[in-house]
Each structure stands twice: as structure tokens, then as C-alpha cells.
Amino acid sequence: MVSVILDNLAEGVTVEQIVADYPPLSQEQVRSILNHSGGN
């Protein structure tokens, strides 16, 4: 799942859209994935 989120972010999908597409995730969780991957 982490790789899917990172792929989406790399393609320009917003955190808000990812949360809308994957309701079990929160914005905080997606941002944490981004931060742990070295992204901003």
C-alpha cells in the first residue's frame, strides 16, 4: 500500500485525493508516508 501511495504522490495526486480514494487512510497517515520516504 505504501508504494501505491508514493506512486500516486509522484504522479501529482494530492493528499486530499488519496484520502478520498482510500477512505481508511487519514491525511496524517499519507503525510507520514511522504515524510518517511524523504519527500516533502
PDB file of N, CA and C in Angstrom:
ATOM      1  N   MET A   1       0.818  -1.187   0.000  1.00  0.00           N
ATOM      2  CA  MET A   1       0.000   0.000   0.000  1.00  0.00           C
ATOM      3  C   MET A   1       0.869   1.261   0.000  1.00  0.00           C
ATOM      4  N   VAL A   2       1.977   1.225   0.708  1.00  0.00           N
ATOM      5  CA  VAL A   2       2.856   2.394   0.760  1.00  0.00           C
ATOM      6  C   VAL A   2       3.357   2.743  -0.633  1.00  0.00           C
ATOM      7  N   SER A   3       3.731   1.745  -1.409  1.00  0.00           N
ATOM      8  CA  SER A   3       4.235   2.024  -2.758  1.00  0.00           C
ATOM      9  C   SER A   3       3.145   2.627  -3.635  1.00  0.00           C
ATOM     10  N   VAL A   4       1.914   2.212  -3.454  1.00  0.00           N
ATOM     11  CA  VAL A   4       0.796   2.782  -4.221  1.00  0.00           C
ATOM     12  C   VAL A   4       0.624   4.257  -3.866  1.00  0.00           C
ATOM     13  N   ILE A   5       0.699   4.572  -2.591  1.00  0.00           N
ATOM     14  CA  ILE A   5       0.562   5.963  -2.141  1.00  0.00           C
ATOM     15  C   ILE A   5       1.705   6.803  -2.699  1.00  0.00           C
ATOM     16  N   LEU A   6       2.928   6.295  -2.620  1.00  0.00           N
ATOM     17  CA  LEU A   6       4.076   7.032  -3.142  1.00  0.00           C
ATOM     18  C   LEU A   6       3.979   7.227  -4.652  1.00  0.00           C
ATOM     19  N   ASP A   7       3.513   6.205  -5.361  1.00  0.00           N
ATOM     20  CA  ASP A   7       3.325   6.334  -6.809  1.00  0.00           C
ATOM     21  C   ASP A   7       2.302   7.425  -7.119  1.00  0.00           C
ATOM     22  N   ASN A   8       1.205   7.438  -6.370  1.00  0.00           N
ATOM     23  CA  ASN A   8       0.177   8.462  -6.571  1.00  0.00           C
ATOM     24  C   ASN A   8       0.745   9.855  -6.319  1.00  0.00           C
ATOM     25  N   LEU A   9       1.483  10.012  -5.254  1.00  0.00           N
ATOM     26  CA  LEU A   9       2.073  11.316  -4.939  1.00  0.00           C
ATOM     27  C   LEU A   9       3.056  11.741  -6.027  1.00  0.00           C
ATOM     28  N   ALA A  10       3.848  10.795  -6.524  1.00  0.00           N
ATOM     29  CA  ALA A  10       4.809  11.103  -7.577  1.00  0.00           C
ATOM     30  C   ALA A  10       4.116  11.540  -8.865  1.00  0.00           C
ATOM     31  N   GLU A  11       2.910  11.039  -9.074  1.00  0.00           N
ATOM     32  CA  GLU A  11       2.144  11.392 -10.270  1.00  0.00           C
ATOM     33  C   GLU A  11       1.378  12.700 -10.095  1.00  0.00           C
ATOM     34  N   GLY A  12       1.505  13.309  -8.925  1.00  0.00           N
ATOM     35  CA  GLY A  12       0.864  14.596  -8.704  1.00  0.00           C
ATOM     36  C   GLY A  12      -0.501  14.538  -8.048  1.00  0.00           C
ATOM     37  N   VAL A  13      -0.909  13.355  -7.601  1.00  0.00           N
ATOM     38  CA  VAL A  13      -2.182  13.229  -6.901  1.00  0.00           C
ATOM     39  C   VAL A  13      -2.036  13.890  -5.528  1.00  0.00           C
ATOM     40  N   THR A  14      -3.014  14.669  -5.124  1.00  0.00           N
ATOM     41  CA  THR A  14      -2.935  15.369  -3.851  1.00  0.00           C
ATOM     42  C   THR A  14      -3.230  14.421  -2.686  1.00  0.00           C
ATOM     43  N   VAL A  15      -2.777  14.833  -1.520  1.00  0.00           N
ATOM     44  CA  VAL A  15      -3.064  14.066  -0.304  1.00  0.00           C
ATOM     45  C   VAL A  15      -4.573  13.931  -0.126  1.00  0.00           C
ATOM     46  N   GLU A  16      -5.290  15.014  -0.372  1.00  0.00           N
ATOM     47  CA  GLU A  16      -6.743  15.003  -0.206  1.00  0.00           C
ATOM     48  C   GLU A  16      -7.397  13.996  -1.140  1.00  0.00           C
ATOM     49  N   GLN A  17      -6.910  13.905  -2.380  1.00  0.00           N
ATOM     50  CA  GLN A  17      -7.487  12.955  -3.338  1.00  0.00           C
ATOM     51  C   GLN A  17      -7.168  11.516  -2.943  1.00  0.00           C
ATOM     52  N   ILE A  18      -5.967  11.285  -2.425  1.00  0.00           N
ATOM     53  CA  ILE A  18      -5.607   9.939  -1.971  1.00  0.00           C
ATOM     54  C   ILE A  18      -6.529   9.513  -0.837  1.00  0.00           C
ATOM     55  N   VAL A  19      -6.778  10.409   0.099  1.00  0.00           N
ATOM     56  CA  VAL A  19      -7.667  10.093   1.225  1.00  0.00           C
ATOM     57  C   VAL A  19      -9.080   9.814   0.713  1.00  0.00           C
ATOM     58  N   ALA A  20      -9.513  10.563  -0.296  1.00  0.00           N
ATOM     59  CA  ALA A  20     -10.839  10.334  -0.872  1.00  0.00           C
ATOM     60  C   ALA A  20     -10.900   8.973  -1.571  1.00  0.00           C
ATOM     61  N   ASP A  21      -9.798   8.588  -2.231  1.00  0.00           N
ATOM     62  CA  ASP A  21      -9.757   7.319  -2.951  1.00  0.00           C
ATOM     63  C   ASP A  21      -9.559   6.120  -2.025  1.00  0.00           C
ATOM     64  N   TYR A  22      -8.923   6.337  -0.888  1.00  0.00           N
ATOM     65  CA  TYR A  22      -8.638   5.266   0.079  1.00  0.00           C
ATOM     66  C   TYR A  22      -9.154   5.690   1.457  1.00  0.00           C
ATOM     67  N   PRO A  23     -10.448   5.590   1.677  1.00  0.00           N
ATOM     68  CA  PRO A  23     -11.066   6.098   2.917  1.00  0.00           C
ATOM     69  C   PRO A  23     -10.472   5.603   4.236  1.00  0.00           C
ATOM     70  N   PRO A  24      -9.891   4.399   4.286  1.00  0.00           N
ATOM     71  CA  PRO A  24      -9.300   4.008   5.579  1.00  0.00           C
ATOM     72  C   PRO A  24      -8.106   4.866   6.000  1.00  0.00           C
ATOM     73  N   LEU A  25      -7.514   5.593   5.041  1.00  0.00           N
ATOM     74  CA  LEU A  25      -6.350   6.422   5.342  1.00  0.00           C
ATOM     75  C   LEU A  25      -6.764   7.825   5.761  1.00  0.00           C
ATOM     76  N   SER A  26      -5.976   8.404   6.638  1.00  0.00           N
ATOM     77  CA  SER A  26      -6.169   9.804   7.024  1.00  0.00           C
ATOM     78  C   SER A  26      -5.096  10.646   6.347  1.00  0.00           C
ATOM     79  N   GLN A  27      -5.323  11.950   6.303  1.00  0.00           N
ATOM     80  CA  GLN A  27      -4.306  12.850   5.745  1.00  0.00           C
ATOM     81  C   GLN A  27      -3.005  12.720   6.525  1.00  0.00           C
ATOM     82  N   GLU A  28      -3.119  12.581   7.822  1.00  0.00           N
ATOM     83  CA  GLU A  28      -1.926  12.438   8.669  1.00  0.00           C
ATOM     84  C   GLU A  28      -1.120  11.193   8.275  1.00  0.00           C
ATOM     85  N   GLN A  29      -1.792  10.099   7.993  1.00  0.00           N
ATOM     86  CA  GLN A  29      -1.092   8.875   7.602  1.00  0.00           C
ATOM     87  C   GLN A  29      -0.387   9.046   6.259  1.00  0.00           C
ATOM     88  N   VAL A  30      -1.069   9.683   5.303  1.00  0.00           N
ATOM     89  CA  VAL A  30      -0.461   9.894   3.993  1.00  0.00           C
ATOM     90  C   VAL A  30       0.743  10.825   4.123  1.00  0.00           C
ATOM     91  N   ARG A  31       0.617  11.884   4.905  1.00  0.00           N
ATOM     92  CA  ARG A  31       1.735  12.799   5.110  1.00  0.00           C
ATOM     93  C   ARG A  31       2.903  12.100   5.819  1.00  0.00           C
ATOM     94  N   SER A  32       2.589  11.185   6.720  1.00  0.00           N
ATOM     95  CA  SER A  32       3.637  10.426   7.401  1.00  0.00           C
ATOM     96  C   SER A  32       4.393   9.541   6.414  1.00  0.00           C
ATOM     97  N   ILE A  33       3.668   8.921   5.493  1.00  0.00           N
ATOM     98  CA  ILE A  33       4.309   8.108   4.451  1.00  0.00           C
ATOM     99  C   ILE A  33       5.245   8.986   3.623  1.00  0.00           C
ATOM    100  N   LEU A  34       4.758  10.153   3.259  1.00  0.00           N
ATOM    101  CA  LEU A  34       5.553  11.074   2.463  1.00  0.00           C
ATOM    102  C   LEU A  34       6.809  11.517   3.222  1.00  0.00           C
ATOM    103  N   ASN A  35       6.644  11.877   4.473  1.00  0.00           N
ATOM    104  CA  ASN A  35       7.783  12.326   5.284  1.00  0.00           C
ATOM    105  C   ASN A  35       8.819  11.213   5.480  1.00  0.00           C
ATOM    106  N   HIS A  36       8.363   9.976   5.698  1.00  0.00           N
ATOM    107  CA  HIS A  36       9.278   8.867   5.917  1.00  0.00           C
ATOM    108  C   HIS A  36       9.993   8.462   4.641  1.00  0.00           C
ATOM    109  N   SER A  37       9.436   8.831   3.503  1.00  0.00           N
ATOM    110  CA  SER A  37      10.073   8.482   2.234  1.00  0.00           C
ATOM    111  C   SER A  37      11.132   9.495   1.821  1.00  0.00           C
ATOM    112  N   GLY A  38      11.212  10.592   2.573  1.00  0.00           N
ATOM    113  CA  GLY A  38      12.176  11.630   2.252  1.00  0.00           C
ATOM    114  C   GLY A  38      11.588  12.753   1.433  1.00  0.00           C
ATOM    115  N   GLY A  39      10.302  12.667   1.108  1.00  0.00           N
ATOM    116  CA  GLY A  39       9.634  13.725   0.354  1.00  0.00           C
ATOM    117  C   GLY A  39       9.119  14.808   1.272  1.00  0.00           C
ATOM    118  N   ASN A  40       8.602  15.863   0.665  1.00  0.00           N
ATOM    119  CA  ASN A  40       8.054  16.949   1.479  1.00  0.00           C
ATOM    120  C   ASN A  40       6.615  17.138   1.148  1.00  0.00           C
TER     121      ASN A  40
END
